[in-house]
Amino acid sequence: MYLAAAVMLLLGAAVAVGAWRLHRVTAVAPAPLATLPFLSGWRPQEHALSRFHARYYPVTLLFLAFDVEMLYMYPWVTVVAEVGVSAVVEMFVFLGVLMVGVLWAWREGALRWV
C-alpha cells in the first residue's frame, strides 16, 4: 500500500520536474522592458511598496462598500419578481444602511479630497 503511494509521489514529482525542465529548455527570453508589470513597459519612478497618502484609504473603503452592494444587488434582481414586495423593502433597508454610512463618511470629511 505504501509502495504504491511512494511510486505515485515519485511519478508526480518526476512529471513536475520534467515539465519545468522542458519549459526552461524551450522558453524564449522576453525583452526586459516588456516584462515590467505595469506602466506599459516604462520604468517605475517609485518603489511598488511606496506609501500612499492617508486620504486614499477612506475613498477605497467607500468604493469597496459600494462594490459589495452591487454583489448583493445582482442576485436580488433575479429573485425580486418571485419574492415580491418584501424583497423590495429589504433592498431599500439595505440601501438605507449604506446611505447612513455615506452620510457619516461625508460628515467626517472622507469625501473631501484636499
PDB file of N, CA and C in Angstrom:
ATOM      1  N   MET A   1       0.825  -1.183   0.000  1.00  0.00           N
ATOM      2  CA  MET A   1       0.000   0.000   0.000  1.00  0.00           C
ATOM      3  C   MET A   1       0.875   1.255   0.000  1.00  0.00           C
ATOM      4  N   TYR A   2       1.880   1.275   0.871  1.00  0.00           N
ATOM      5  CA  TYR A   2       2.757   2.436   0.907  1.00  0.00           C
ATOM      6  C   TYR A   2       3.655   2.505  -0.322  1.00  0.00           C
ATOM      7  N   LEU A   3       3.966   1.364  -0.894  1.00  0.00           N
ATOM      8  CA  LEU A   3       4.799   1.323  -2.084  1.00  0.00           C
ATOM      9  C   LEU A   3       4.089   2.002  -3.250  1.00  0.00           C
ATOM     10  N   ALA A   4       2.793   1.765  -3.391  1.00  0.00           N
ATOM     11  CA  ALA A   4       2.020   2.395  -4.472  1.00  0.00           C
ATOM     12  C   ALA A   4       1.958   3.909  -4.273  1.00  0.00           C
ATOM     13  N   ALA A   5       1.779   4.354  -3.040  1.00  0.00           N
ATOM     14  CA  ALA A   5       1.735   5.794  -2.765  1.00  0.00           C
ATOM     15  C   ALA A   5       3.091   6.431  -3.041  1.00  0.00           C
ATOM     16  N   ALA A   6       4.177   5.748  -2.677  1.00  0.00           N
ATOM     17  CA  ALA A   6       5.511   6.283  -2.924  1.00  0.00           C
ATOM     18  C   ALA A   6       5.808   6.356  -4.414  1.00  0.00           C
ATOM     19  N   VAL A   7       5.393   5.335  -5.158  1.00  0.00           N
ATOM     20  CA  VAL A   7       5.592   5.353  -6.615  1.00  0.00           C
ATOM     21  C   VAL A   7       4.809   6.497  -7.244  1.00  0.00           C
ATOM     22  N   MET A   8       3.581   6.699  -6.835  1.00  0.00           N
ATOM     23  CA  MET A   8       2.769   7.801  -7.383  1.00  0.00           C
ATOM     24  C   MET A   8       3.373   9.154  -7.018  1.00  0.00           C
ATOM     25  N   LEU A   9       3.888   9.290  -5.798  1.00  0.00           N
ATOM     26  CA  LEU A   9       4.539  10.532  -5.388  1.00  0.00           C
ATOM     27  C   LEU A   9       5.780  10.799  -6.232  1.00  0.00           C
ATOM     28  N   LEU A  10       6.593   9.793  -6.432  1.00  0.00           N
ATOM     29  CA  LEU A  10       7.791   9.954  -7.262  1.00  0.00           C
ATOM     30  C   LEU A  10       7.428  10.227  -8.717  1.00  0.00           C
ATOM     31  N   LEU A  11       6.402   9.579  -9.215  1.00  0.00           N
ATOM     32  CA  LEU A  11       5.964   9.811 -10.589  1.00  0.00           C
ATOM     33  C   LEU A  11       5.444  11.238 -10.760  1.00  0.00           C
ATOM     34  N   GLY A  12       4.676  11.701  -9.812  1.00  0.00           N
ATOM     35  CA  GLY A  12       4.182  13.074  -9.858  1.00  0.00           C
ATOM     36  C   GLY A  12       5.309  14.094  -9.805  1.00  0.00           C
ATOM     37  N   ALA A  13       6.278  13.865  -8.925  1.00  0.00           N
ATOM     38  CA  ALA A  13       7.425  14.768  -8.832  1.00  0.00           C
ATOM     39  C   ALA A  13       8.237  14.741 -10.110  1.00  0.00           C
ATOM     40  N   ALA A  14       8.397  13.565 -10.717  1.00  0.00           N
ATOM     41  CA  ALA A  14       9.151  13.462 -11.969  1.00  0.00           C
ATOM     42  C   ALA A  14       8.446  14.204 -13.098  1.00  0.00           C
ATOM     43  N   VAL A  15       7.134  14.110 -13.163  1.00  0.00           N
ATOM     44  CA  VAL A  15       6.381  14.833 -14.191  1.00  0.00           C
ATOM     45  C   VAL A  15       6.511  16.339 -13.982  1.00  0.00           C
ATOM     46  N   ALA A  16       6.423  16.808 -12.748  1.00  0.00           N
ATOM     47  CA  ALA A  16       6.547  18.237 -12.476  1.00  0.00           C
ATOM     48  C   ALA A  16       7.941  18.742 -12.830  1.00  0.00           C
ATOM     49  N   VAL A  17       8.967  18.023 -12.430  1.00  0.00           N
ATOM     50  CA  VAL A  17      10.343  18.431 -12.746  1.00  0.00           C
ATOM     51  C   VAL A  17      10.578  18.363 -14.244  1.00  0.00           C
ATOM     52  N   GLY A  18      10.026  17.359 -14.903  1.00  0.00           N
ATOM     53  CA  GLY A  18      10.173  17.247 -16.349  1.00  0.00           C
ATOM     54  C   GLY A  18       9.504  18.401 -17.080  1.00  0.00           C
ATOM     55  N   ALA A  19       8.309  18.776 -16.648  1.00  0.00           N
ATOM     56  CA  ALA A  19       7.619  19.907 -17.273  1.00  0.00           C
ATOM     57  C   ALA A  19       8.398  21.196 -17.051  1.00  0.00           C
ATOM     58  N   TRP A  20       8.905  21.393 -15.849  1.00  0.00           N
ATOM     59  CA  TRP A  20       9.701  22.590 -15.572  1.00  0.00           C
ATOM     60  C   TRP A  20      10.962  22.608 -16.423  1.00  0.00           C
ATOM     61  N   ARG A  21      11.625  21.480 -16.540  1.00  0.00           N
ATOM     62  CA  ARG A  21      12.865  21.395 -17.327  1.00  0.00           C
ATOM     63  C   ARG A  21      12.579  21.636 -18.816  1.00  0.00           C
ATOM     64  N   LEU A  22      11.477  21.090 -19.325  1.00  0.00           N
ATOM     65  CA  LEU A  22      11.093  21.326 -20.715  1.00  0.00           C
ATOM     66  C   LEU A  22      10.827  22.805 -20.971  1.00  0.00           C
ATOM     67  N   HIS A  23      10.183  23.449 -20.018  1.00  0.00           N
ATOM     68  CA  HIS A  23       9.937  24.887 -20.144  1.00  0.00           C
ATOM     69  C   HIS A  23      11.248  25.664 -20.179  1.00  0.00           C
ATOM     70  N   ARG A  24      12.169  25.328 -19.305  1.00  0.00           N
ATOM     71  CA  ARG A  24      13.455  26.037 -19.247  1.00  0.00           C
ATOM     72  C   ARG A  24      14.252  25.856 -20.533  1.00  0.00           C
ATOM     73  N   VAL A  25      14.133  24.699 -21.161  1.00  0.00           N
ATOM     74  CA  VAL A  25      14.893  24.429 -22.385  1.00  0.00           C
ATOM     75  C   VAL A  25      14.270  25.126 -23.592  1.00  0.00           C
ATOM     76  N   THR A  26      12.946  25.167 -23.659  1.00  0.00           N
ATOM     77  CA  THR A  26      12.271  25.681 -24.853  1.00  0.00           C
ATOM     78  C   THR A  26      11.803  27.121 -24.736  1.00  0.00           C
ATOM     79  N   ALA A  27      11.937  27.769 -23.585  1.00  0.00           N
ATOM     80  CA  ALA A  27      11.406  29.116 -23.392  1.00  0.00           C
ATOM     81  C   ALA A  27      12.220  30.139 -24.172  1.00  0.00           C
ATOM     82  N   VAL A  28      11.527  31.157 -24.664  1.00  0.00           N
ATOM     83  CA  VAL A  28      12.168  32.280 -25.350  1.00  0.00           C
ATOM     84  C   VAL A  28      12.327  33.395 -24.330  1.00  0.00           C
ATOM     85  N   ALA A  29      13.518  33.959 -24.249  1.00  0.00           N
ATOM     86  CA  ALA A  29      13.756  35.027 -23.284  1.00  0.00           C
ATOM     87  C   ALA A  29      13.074  36.309 -23.772  1.00  0.00           C
ATOM     88  N   PRO A  30      12.136  36.860 -23.000  1.00  0.00           N
ATOM     89  CA  PRO A  30      11.451  38.083 -23.419  1.00  0.00           C
ATOM     90  C   PRO A  30      12.333  39.308 -23.221  1.00  0.00           C
ATOM     91  N   ALA A  31      11.944  40.387 -23.878  1.00  0.00           N
ATOM     92  CA  ALA A  31      12.656  41.647 -23.703  1.00  0.00           C
ATOM     93  C   ALA A  31      12.433  42.144 -22.276  1.00  0.00           C
ATOM     94  N   PRO A  32      13.456  42.703 -21.631  1.00  0.00           N
ATOM     95  CA  PRO A  32      13.282  43.100 -20.228  1.00  0.00           C
ATOM     96  C   PRO A  32      12.231  44.181 -20.034  1.00  0.00           C
ATOM     97  N   LEU A  33      12.071  45.101 -20.977  1.00  0.00           N
ATOM     98  CA  LEU A  33      11.067  46.149 -20.808  1.00  0.00           C
ATOM     99  C   LEU A  33       9.653  45.607 -20.949  1.00  0.00           C
ATOM    100  N   ALA A  34       9.474  44.579 -21.733  1.00  0.00           N
ATOM    101  CA  ALA A  34       8.136  44.016 -21.920  1.00  0.00           C
ATOM    102  C   ALA A  34       7.673  43.222 -20.706  1.00  0.00           C
ATOM    103  N   THR A  35       8.572  42.867 -19.824  1.00  0.00           N
ATOM    104  CA  THR A  35       8.186  42.070 -18.665  1.00  0.00           C
ATOM    105  C   THR A  35       7.896  42.909 -17.428  1.00  0.00           C
ATOM    106  N   LEU A  36       8.015  44.220 -17.516  1.00  0.00           N
ATOM    107  CA  LEU A  36       7.666  45.047 -16.362  1.00  0.00           C
ATOM    108  C   LEU A  36       6.177  44.912 -16.089  1.00  0.00           C
ATOM    109  N   PRO A  37       5.765  44.855 -14.816  1.00  0.00           N
ATOM    110  CA  PRO A  37       4.387  44.507 -14.505  1.00  0.00           C
ATOM    111  C   PRO A  37       3.369  45.623 -14.722  1.00  0.00           C
ATOM    112  N   PHE A  38       3.780  46.851 -14.887  1.00  0.00           N
ATOM    113  CA  PHE A  38       2.811  47.925 -15.045  1.00  0.00           C
ATOM    114  C   PHE A  38       3.445  49.073 -15.803  1.00  0.00           C
ATOM    115  N   LEU A  39       2.703  50.112 -16.056  1.00  0.00           N
ATOM    116  CA  LEU A  39       3.143  51.320 -16.737  1.00  0.00           C
ATOM    117  C   LEU A  39       3.515  51.069 -18.193  1.00  0.00           C
ATOM    118  N   SER A  40       2.964  50.056 -18.802  1.00  0.00           N
ATOM    119  CA  SER A  40       3.142  49.754 -20.219  1.00  0.00           C
ATOM    120  C   SER A  40       4.608  49.660 -20.615  1.00  0.00           C
ATOM    121  N   GLY A  41       5.417  49.108 -19.769  1.00  0.00           N
ATOM    122  CA  GLY A  41       6.820  48.913 -20.085  1.00  0.00           C
ATOM    123  C   GLY A  41       7.731  50.037 -19.638  1.00  0.00           C
ATOM    124  N   TRP A  42       7.180  51.121 -19.112  1.00  0.00           N
ATOM    125  CA  TRP A  42       8.016  52.217 -18.604  1.00  0.00           C
ATOM    126  C   TRP A  42       8.615  51.822 -17.275  1.00  0.00           C
ATOM    127  N   ARG A  43       9.780  52.293 -17.004  1.00  0.00           N
ATOM    128  CA  ARG A  43      10.411  52.025 -15.710  1.00  0.00           C
ATOM    129  C   ARG A  43       9.677  52.808 -14.619  1.00  0.00           C
ATOM    130  N   PRO A  44       9.360  52.178 -13.505  1.00  0.00           N
ATOM    131  CA  PRO A  44       8.631  52.886 -12.439  1.00  0.00           C
ATOM    132  C   PRO A  44       9.498  53.963 -11.802  1.00  0.00           C
ATOM    133  N   GLN A  45       8.864  55.048 -11.389  1.00  0.00           N
ATOM    134  CA  GLN A  45       9.567  56.159 -10.756  1.00  0.00           C
ATOM    135  C   GLN A  45       9.711  55.950  -9.253  1.00  0.00           C
ATOM    136  N   GLU A  46       8.802  55.181  -8.647  1.00  0.00           N
ATOM    137  CA  GLU A  46       8.902  54.900  -7.217  1.00  0.00           C
ATOM    138  C   GLU A  46       8.785  53.405  -6.981  1.00  0.00           C
ATOM    139  N   HIS A  47       9.078  53.003  -5.792  1.00  0.00           N
ATOM    140  CA  HIS A  47       9.025  51.591  -5.439  1.00  0.00           C
ATOM    141  C   HIS A  47       7.569  51.131  -5.378  1.00  0.00           C
ATOM    142  N   ALA A  48       7.331  49.884  -5.685  1.00  0.00           N
ATOM    143  CA  ALA A  48       5.965  49.348  -5.690  1.00  0.00           C
ATOM    144  C   ALA A  48       5.344  49.349  -4.298  1.00  0.00           C
ATOM    145  N   LEU A  49       6.149  49.330  -3.260  1.00  0.00           N
ATOM    146  CA  LEU A  49       5.620  49.326  -1.894  1.00  0.00           C
ATOM    147  C   LEU A  49       5.640  50.713  -1.263  1.00  0.00           C
ATOM    148  N   SER A  50       5.727  51.762  -2.089  1.00  0.00           N
ATOM    149  CA  SER A  50       5.734  53.112  -1.531  1.00  0.00           C
ATOM    150  C   SER A  50       4.390  53.412  -0.880  1.00  0.00           C
ATOM    151  N   ARG A  51       4.404  54.317   0.041  1.00  0.00           N
ATOM    152  CA  ARG A  51       3.193  54.621   0.802  1.00  0.00           C
ATOM    153  C   ARG A  51       2.305  55.591   0.042  1.00  0.00           C
ATOM    154  N   PHE A  52       1.012  55.409   0.205  1.00  0.00           N
ATOM    155  CA  PHE A  52       0.040  56.321  -0.361  1.00  0.00           C
ATOM    156  C   PHE A  52      -0.398  57.285   0.727  1.00  0.00           C
ATOM    157  N   HIS A  53      -0.895  58.429   0.309  1.00  0.00           N
ATOM    158  CA  HIS A  53      -1.401  59.398   1.277  1.00  0.00           C
ATOM    159  C   HIS A  53      -2.631  58.802   1.965  1.00  0.00           C
ATOM    160  N   ALA A  54      -2.839  59.166   3.200  1.00  0.00           N
ATOM    161  CA  ALA A  54      -3.916  58.571   4.004  1.00  0.00           C
ATOM    162  C   ALA A  54      -5.300  58.867   3.444  1.00  0.00           C
ATOM    163  N   ARG A  55      -5.465  59.901   2.616  1.00  0.00           N
ATOM    164  CA  ARG A  55      -6.792  60.215   2.101  1.00  0.00           C
ATOM    165  C   ARG A  55      -7.289  59.180   1.101  1.00  0.00           C
ATOM    166  N   TYR A  56      -6.431  58.332   0.589  1.00  0.00           N
ATOM    167  CA  TYR A  56      -6.864  57.300  -0.343  1.00  0.00           C
ATOM    168  C   TYR A  56      -7.622  56.178   0.365  1.00  0.00           C
ATOM    169  N   TYR A  57      -7.329  55.930   1.626  1.00  0.00           N
ATOM    170  CA  TYR A  57      -7.915  54.788   2.314  1.00  0.00           C
ATOM    171  C   TYR A  57      -9.423  54.926   2.551  1.00  0.00           C
ATOM    172  N   PRO A  58      -9.942  56.065   3.014  1.00  0.00           N
ATOM    173  CA  PRO A  58     -11.407  56.156   3.152  1.00  0.00           C
ATOM    174  C   PRO A  58     -12.134  56.042   1.815  1.00  0.00           C
ATOM    175  N   VAL A  59     -11.557  56.614   0.769  1.00  0.00           N
ATOM    176  CA  VAL A  59     -12.180  56.503  -0.548  1.00  0.00           C
ATOM    177  C   VAL A  59     -12.182  55.043  -0.994  1.00  0.00           C
ATOM    178  N   THR A  60     -11.106  54.335  -0.714  1.00  0.00           N
ATOM    179  CA  THR A  60     -11.036  52.913  -1.056  1.00  0.00           C
ATOM    180  C   THR A  60     -12.095  52.126  -0.299  1.00  0.00           C
ATOM    181  N   LEU A  61     -12.284  52.430   0.972  1.00  0.00           N
ATOM    182  CA  LEU A  61     -13.300  51.720   1.749  1.00  0.00           C
ATOM    183  C   LEU A  61     -14.703  52.019   1.237  1.00  0.00           C
ATOM    184  N   LEU A  62     -14.960  53.262   0.828  1.00  0.00           N
ATOM    185  CA  LEU A  62     -16.260  53.577   0.254  1.00  0.00           C
ATOM    186  C   LEU A  62     -16.473  52.824  -1.054  1.00  0.00           C
ATOM    187  N   PHE A  63     -15.438  52.756  -1.870  1.00  0.00           N
ATOM    188  CA  PHE A  63     -15.548  52.005  -3.116  1.00  0.00           C
ATOM    189  C   PHE A  63     -15.868  50.544  -2.832  1.00  0.00           C
ATOM    190  N   LEU A  64     -15.182  49.953  -1.866  1.00  0.00           N
ATOM    191  CA  LEU A  64     -15.445  48.556  -1.543  1.00  0.00           C
ATOM    192  C   LEU A  64     -16.861  48.354  -1.022  1.00  0.00           C
ATOM    193  N   ALA A  65     -17.363  49.319  -0.253  1.00  0.00           N
ATOM    194  CA  ALA A  65     -18.733  49.209   0.251  1.00  0.00           C
ATOM    195  C   ALA A  65     -19.725  49.186  -0.901  1.00  0.00           C
ATOM    196  N   PHE A  66     -19.537  50.062  -1.875  1.00  0.00           N
ATOM    197  CA  PHE A  66     -20.466  50.088  -2.994  1.00  0.00           C
ATOM    198  C   PHE A  66     -20.240  48.917  -3.938  1.00  0.00           C
ATOM    199  N   ASP A  67     -19.030  48.412  -3.994  1.00  0.00           N
ATOM    200  CA  ASP A  67     -18.763  47.238  -4.805  1.00  0.00           C
ATOM    201  C   ASP A  67     -19.473  46.024  -4.209  1.00  0.00           C
ATOM    202  N   VAL A  68     -19.428  45.885  -2.900  1.00  0.00           N
ATOM    203  CA  VAL A  68     -20.123  44.790  -2.238  1.00  0.00           C
ATOM    204  C   VAL A  68     -21.630  44.969  -2.373  1.00  0.00           C
ATOM    205  N   GLU A  69     -22.080  46.217  -2.376  1.00  0.00           N
ATOM    206  CA  GLU A  69     -23.504  46.467  -2.585  1.00  0.00           C
ATOM    207  C   GLU A  69     -23.953  45.892  -3.923  1.00  0.00           C
ATOM    208  N   MET A  70     -23.165  46.074  -4.952  1.00  0.00           N
ATOM    209  CA  MET A  70     -23.526  45.547  -6.263  1.00  0.00           C
ATOM    210  C   MET A  70     -23.510  44.013  -6.261  1.00  0.00           C
ATOM    211  N   LEU A  71     -22.631  43.415  -5.461  1.00  0.00           N
ATOM    212  CA  LEU A  71     -22.644  41.958  -5.355  1.00  0.00           C
ATOM    213  C   LEU A  71     -23.962  41.442  -4.792  1.00  0.00           C
ATOM    214  N   TYR A  72     -24.595  42.225  -3.933  1.00  0.00           N
ATOM    215  CA  TYR A  72     -25.882  41.818  -3.382  1.00  0.00           C
ATOM    216  C   TYR A  72     -27.034  42.169  -4.322  1.00  0.00           C
ATOM    217  N   MET A  73     -26.863  43.207  -5.132  1.00  0.00           N
ATOM    218  CA  MET A  73     -27.967  43.636  -5.988  1.00  0.00           C
ATOM    219  C   MET A  73     -28.164  42.726  -7.196  1.00  0.00           C
ATOM    220  N   TYR A  74     -27.115  42.186  -7.755  1.00  0.00           N
ATOM    221  CA  TYR A  74     -27.277  41.335  -8.933  1.00  0.00           C
ATOM    222  C   TYR A  74     -28.125  40.093  -8.647  1.00  0.00           C
ATOM    223  N   PRO A  75     -27.841  39.321  -7.597  1.00  0.00           N
ATOM    224  CA  PRO A  75     -28.737  38.177  -7.331  1.00  0.00           C
ATOM    225  C   PRO A  75     -30.136  38.617  -6.916  1.00  0.00           C
ATOM    226  N   TRP A  76     -30.237  39.771  -6.264  1.00  0.00           N
ATOM    227  CA  TRP A  76     -31.540  40.271  -5.829  1.00  0.00           C
ATOM    228  C   TRP A  76     -32.434  40.524  -7.034  1.00  0.00           C
ATOM    229  N   VAL A  77     -31.861  41.038  -8.112  1.00  0.00           N
ATOM    230  CA  VAL A  77     -32.635  41.335  -9.311  1.00  0.00           C
ATOM    231  C   VAL A  77     -33.237  40.059  -9.889  1.00  0.00           C
ATOM    232  N   THR A  78     -32.530  38.959  -9.764  1.00  0.00           N
ATOM    233  CA  THR A  78     -33.033  37.717 -10.358  1.00  0.00           C
ATOM    234  C   THR A  78     -34.200  37.121  -9.575  1.00  0.00           C
ATOM    235  N   VAL A  79     -34.329  37.440  -8.291  1.00  0.00           N
ATOM    236  CA  VAL A  79     -35.393  36.821  -7.497  1.00  0.00           C
ATOM    237  C   VAL A  79     -36.462  37.803  -7.038  1.00  0.00           C
ATOM    238  N   VAL A  80     -36.332  39.077  -7.358  1.00  0.00           N
ATOM    239  CA  VAL A  80     -37.286  40.054  -6.839  1.00  0.00           C
ATOM    240  C   VAL A  80     -38.693  39.808  -7.376  1.00  0.00           C
ATOM    241  N   ALA A  81     -38.826  39.335  -8.603  1.00  0.00           N
ATOM    242  CA  ALA A  81     -40.155  39.076  -9.159  1.00  0.00           C
ATOM    243  C   ALA A  81     -40.829  37.902  -8.448  1.00  0.00           C
ATOM    244  N   GLU A  82     -40.043  36.925  -8.020  1.00  0.00           N
ATOM    245  CA  GLU A  82     -40.619  35.765  -7.346  1.00  0.00           C
ATOM    246  C   GLU A  82     -40.987  36.079  -5.895  1.00  0.00           C
ATOM    247  N   VAL A  83     -40.131  36.832  -5.209  1.00  0.00           N
ATOM    248  CA  VAL A  83     -40.344  37.083  -3.783  1.00  0.00           C
ATOM    249  C   VAL A  83     -41.406  38.150  -3.564  1.00  0.00           C
ATOM    250  N   GLY A  84     -41.351  39.229  -4.347  1.00  0.00           N
ATOM    251  CA  GLY A  84     -42.378  40.250  -4.253  1.00  0.00           C
ATOM    252  C   GLY A  84     -41.943  41.474  -3.467  1.00  0.00           C
ATOM    253  N   VAL A  85     -42.911  42.065  -2.781  1.00  0.00           N
ATOM    254  CA  VAL A  85     -42.717  43.349  -2.111  1.00  0.00           C
ATOM    255  C   VAL A  85     -41.700  43.248  -0.979  1.00  0.00           C
ATOM    256  N   SER A  86     -41.645  42.127  -0.299  1.00  0.00           N
ATOM    257  CA  SER A  86     -40.712  42.013   0.823  1.00  0.00           C
ATOM    258  C   SER A  86     -39.260  42.126   0.351  1.00  0.00           C
ATOM    259  N   ALA A  87     -38.965  41.651  -0.852  1.00  0.00           N
ATOM    260  CA  ALA A  87     -37.606  41.784  -1.384  1.00  0.00           C
ATOM    261  C   ALA A  87     -37.278  43.241  -1.667  1.00  0.00           C
ATOM    262  N   VAL A  88     -38.252  43.998  -2.146  1.00  0.00           N
ATOM    263  CA  VAL A  88     -38.030  45.422  -2.416  1.00  0.00           C
ATOM    264  C   VAL A  88     -37.798  46.174  -1.107  1.00  0.00           C
ATOM    265  N   VAL A  89     -38.583  45.843  -0.092  1.00  0.00           N
ATOM    266  CA  VAL A  89     -38.417  46.502   1.206  1.00  0.00           C
ATOM    267  C   VAL A  89     -37.042  46.171   1.791  1.00  0.00           C
ATOM    268  N   GLU A  90     -36.635  44.919   1.710  1.00  0.00           N
ATOM    269  CA  GLU A  90     -35.321  44.534   2.230  1.00  0.00           C
ATOM    270  C   GLU A  90     -34.199  45.268   1.516  1.00  0.00           C
ATOM    271  N   MET A  91     -34.319  45.444   0.189  1.00  0.00           N
ATOM    272  CA  MET A  91     -33.266  46.138  -0.548  1.00  0.00           C
ATOM    273  C   MET A  91     -33.216  47.605  -0.152  1.00  0.00           C
ATOM    274  N   PHE A  92     -34.369  48.241   0.051  1.00  0.00           N
ATOM    275  CA  PHE A  92     -34.340  49.639   0.466  1.00  0.00           C
ATOM    276  C   PHE A  92     -33.793  49.809   1.880  1.00  0.00           C
ATOM    277  N   VAL A  93     -34.031  48.833   2.754  1.00  0.00           N
ATOM    278  CA  VAL A  93     -33.419  48.881   4.085  1.00  0.00           C
ATOM    279  C   VAL A  93     -31.903  48.755   3.957  1.00  0.00           C
ATOM    280  N   PHE A  94     -31.450  47.854   3.107  1.00  0.00           N
ATOM    281  CA  PHE A  94     -30.017  47.674   2.869  1.00  0.00           C
ATOM    282  C   PHE A  94     -29.396  48.950   2.303  1.00  0.00           C
ATOM    283  N   LEU A  95     -30.053  49.556   1.320  1.00  0.00           N
ATOM    284  CA  LEU A  95     -29.540  50.809   0.749  1.00  0.00           C
ATOM    285  C   LEU A  95     -29.574  51.940   1.769  1.00  0.00           C
ATOM    286  N   GLY A  96     -30.561  51.921   2.663  1.00  0.00           N
ATOM    287  CA  GLY A  96     -30.619  52.932   3.716  1.00  0.00           C
ATOM    288  C   GLY A  96     -29.439  52.813   4.674  1.00  0.00           C
ATOM    289  N   VAL A  97     -29.089  51.589   5.029  1.00  0.00           N
ATOM    290  CA  VAL A  97     -27.923  51.384   5.901  1.00  0.00           C
ATOM    291  C   VAL A  97     -26.659  51.886   5.210  1.00  0.00           C
ATOM    292  N   LEU A  98     -26.528  51.595   3.918  1.00  0.00           N
ATOM    293  CA  LEU A  98     -25.364  52.104   3.183  1.00  0.00           C
ATOM    294  C   LEU A  98     -25.368  53.620   3.094  1.00  0.00           C
ATOM    295  N   MET A  99     -26.541  54.205   2.941  1.00  0.00           N
ATOM    296  CA  MET A  99     -26.620  55.669   2.866  1.00  0.00           C
ATOM    297  C   MET A  99     -26.224  56.303   4.190  1.00  0.00           C
ATOM    298  N   VAL A 100     -26.562  55.655   5.305  1.00  0.00           N
ATOM    299  CA  VAL A 100     -26.112  56.150   6.608  1.00  0.00           C
ATOM    300  C   VAL A 100     -24.587  56.156   6.658  1.00  0.00           C
ATOM    301  N   GLY A 101     -23.960  55.119   6.126  1.00  0.00           N
ATOM    302  CA  GLY A 101     -22.503  55.073   6.073  1.00  0.00           C
ATOM    303  C   GLY A 101     -21.920  56.161   5.194  1.00  0.00           C
ATOM    304  N   VAL A 102     -22.559  56.445   4.070  1.00  0.00           N
ATOM    305  CA  VAL A 102     -22.081  57.513   3.184  1.00  0.00           C
ATOM    306  C   VAL A 102     -22.235  58.870   3.863  1.00  0.00           C
ATOM    307  N   LEU A 103     -23.355  59.098   4.512  1.00  0.00           N
ATOM    308  CA  LEU A 103     -23.556  60.377   5.203  1.00  0.00           C
ATOM    309  C   LEU A 103     -22.552  60.555   6.334  1.00  0.00           C
ATOM    310  N   TRP A 104     -22.247  59.478   7.046  1.00  0.00           N
ATOM    311  CA  TRP A 104     -21.239  59.547   8.104  1.00  0.00           C
ATOM    312  C   TRP A 104     -19.877  59.881   7.517  1.00  0.00           C
ATOM    313  N   ALA A 105     -19.511  59.218   6.399  1.00  0.00           N
ATOM    314  CA  ALA A 105     -18.224  59.496   5.755  1.00  0.00           C
ATOM    315  C   ALA A 105     -18.174  60.932   5.254  1.00  0.00           C
ATOM    316  N   TRP A 106     -19.281  61.424   4.743  1.00  0.00           N
ATOM    317  CA  TRP A 106     -19.331  62.806   4.269  1.00  0.00           C
ATOM    318  C   TRP A 106     -19.140  63.773   5.428  1.00  0.00           C
ATOM    319  N   ARG A 107     -19.801  63.484   6.543  1.00  0.00           N
ATOM    320  CA  ARG A 107     -19.670  64.333   7.721  1.00  0.00           C
ATOM    321  C   ARG A 107     -18.253  64.342   8.281  1.00  0.00           C
ATOM    322  N   GLU A 108     -17.593  63.180   8.222  1.00  0.00           N
ATOM    323  CA  GLU A 108     -16.234  63.070   8.722  1.00  0.00           C
ATOM    324  C   GLU A 108     -15.194  63.649   7.756  1.00  0.00           C
ATOM    325  N   GLY A 109     -15.625  63.985   6.531  1.00  0.00           N
ATOM    326  CA  GLY A 109     -14.702  64.571   5.575  1.00  0.00           C
ATOM    327  C   GLY A 109     -13.966  63.575   4.709  1.00  0.00           C
ATOM    328  N   ALA A 110     -14.437  62.338   4.659  1.00  0.00           N
ATOM    329  CA  ALA A 110     -13.748  61.326   3.853  1.00  0.00           C
ATOM    330  C   ALA A 110     -13.896  61.593   2.359  1.00  0.00           C
ATOM    331  N   LEU A 111     -14.926  62.320   1.963  1.00  0.00           N
ATOM    332  CA  LEU A 111     -15.134  62.615   0.551  1.00  0.00           C
ATOM    333  C   LEU A 111     -14.454  63.911   0.124  1.00  0.00           C
ATOM    334  N   ARG A 112     -13.875  64.621   1.066  1.00  0.00           N
ATOM    335  CA  ARG A 112     -13.150  65.856   0.742  1.00  0.00           C
ATOM    336  C   ARG A 112     -11.756  65.460   0.282  1.00  0.00           C
ATOM    337  N   TRP A 113     -11.370  65.889  -0.910  1.00  0.00           N
ATOM    338  CA  TRP A 113     -10.110  65.408  -1.483  1.00  0.00           C
ATOM    339  C   TRP A 113      -8.904  66.149  -0.951  1.00  0.00           C
ATOM    340  N   VAL A 114      -8.994  67.420  -0.688  1.00  0.00           N
ATOM    341  CA  VAL A 114      -7.835  68.172  -0.171  1.00  0.00           C
ATOM    342  C   VAL A 114      -8.126  68.758   1.178  1.00  0.00           C
TER     343      VAL A 114
END
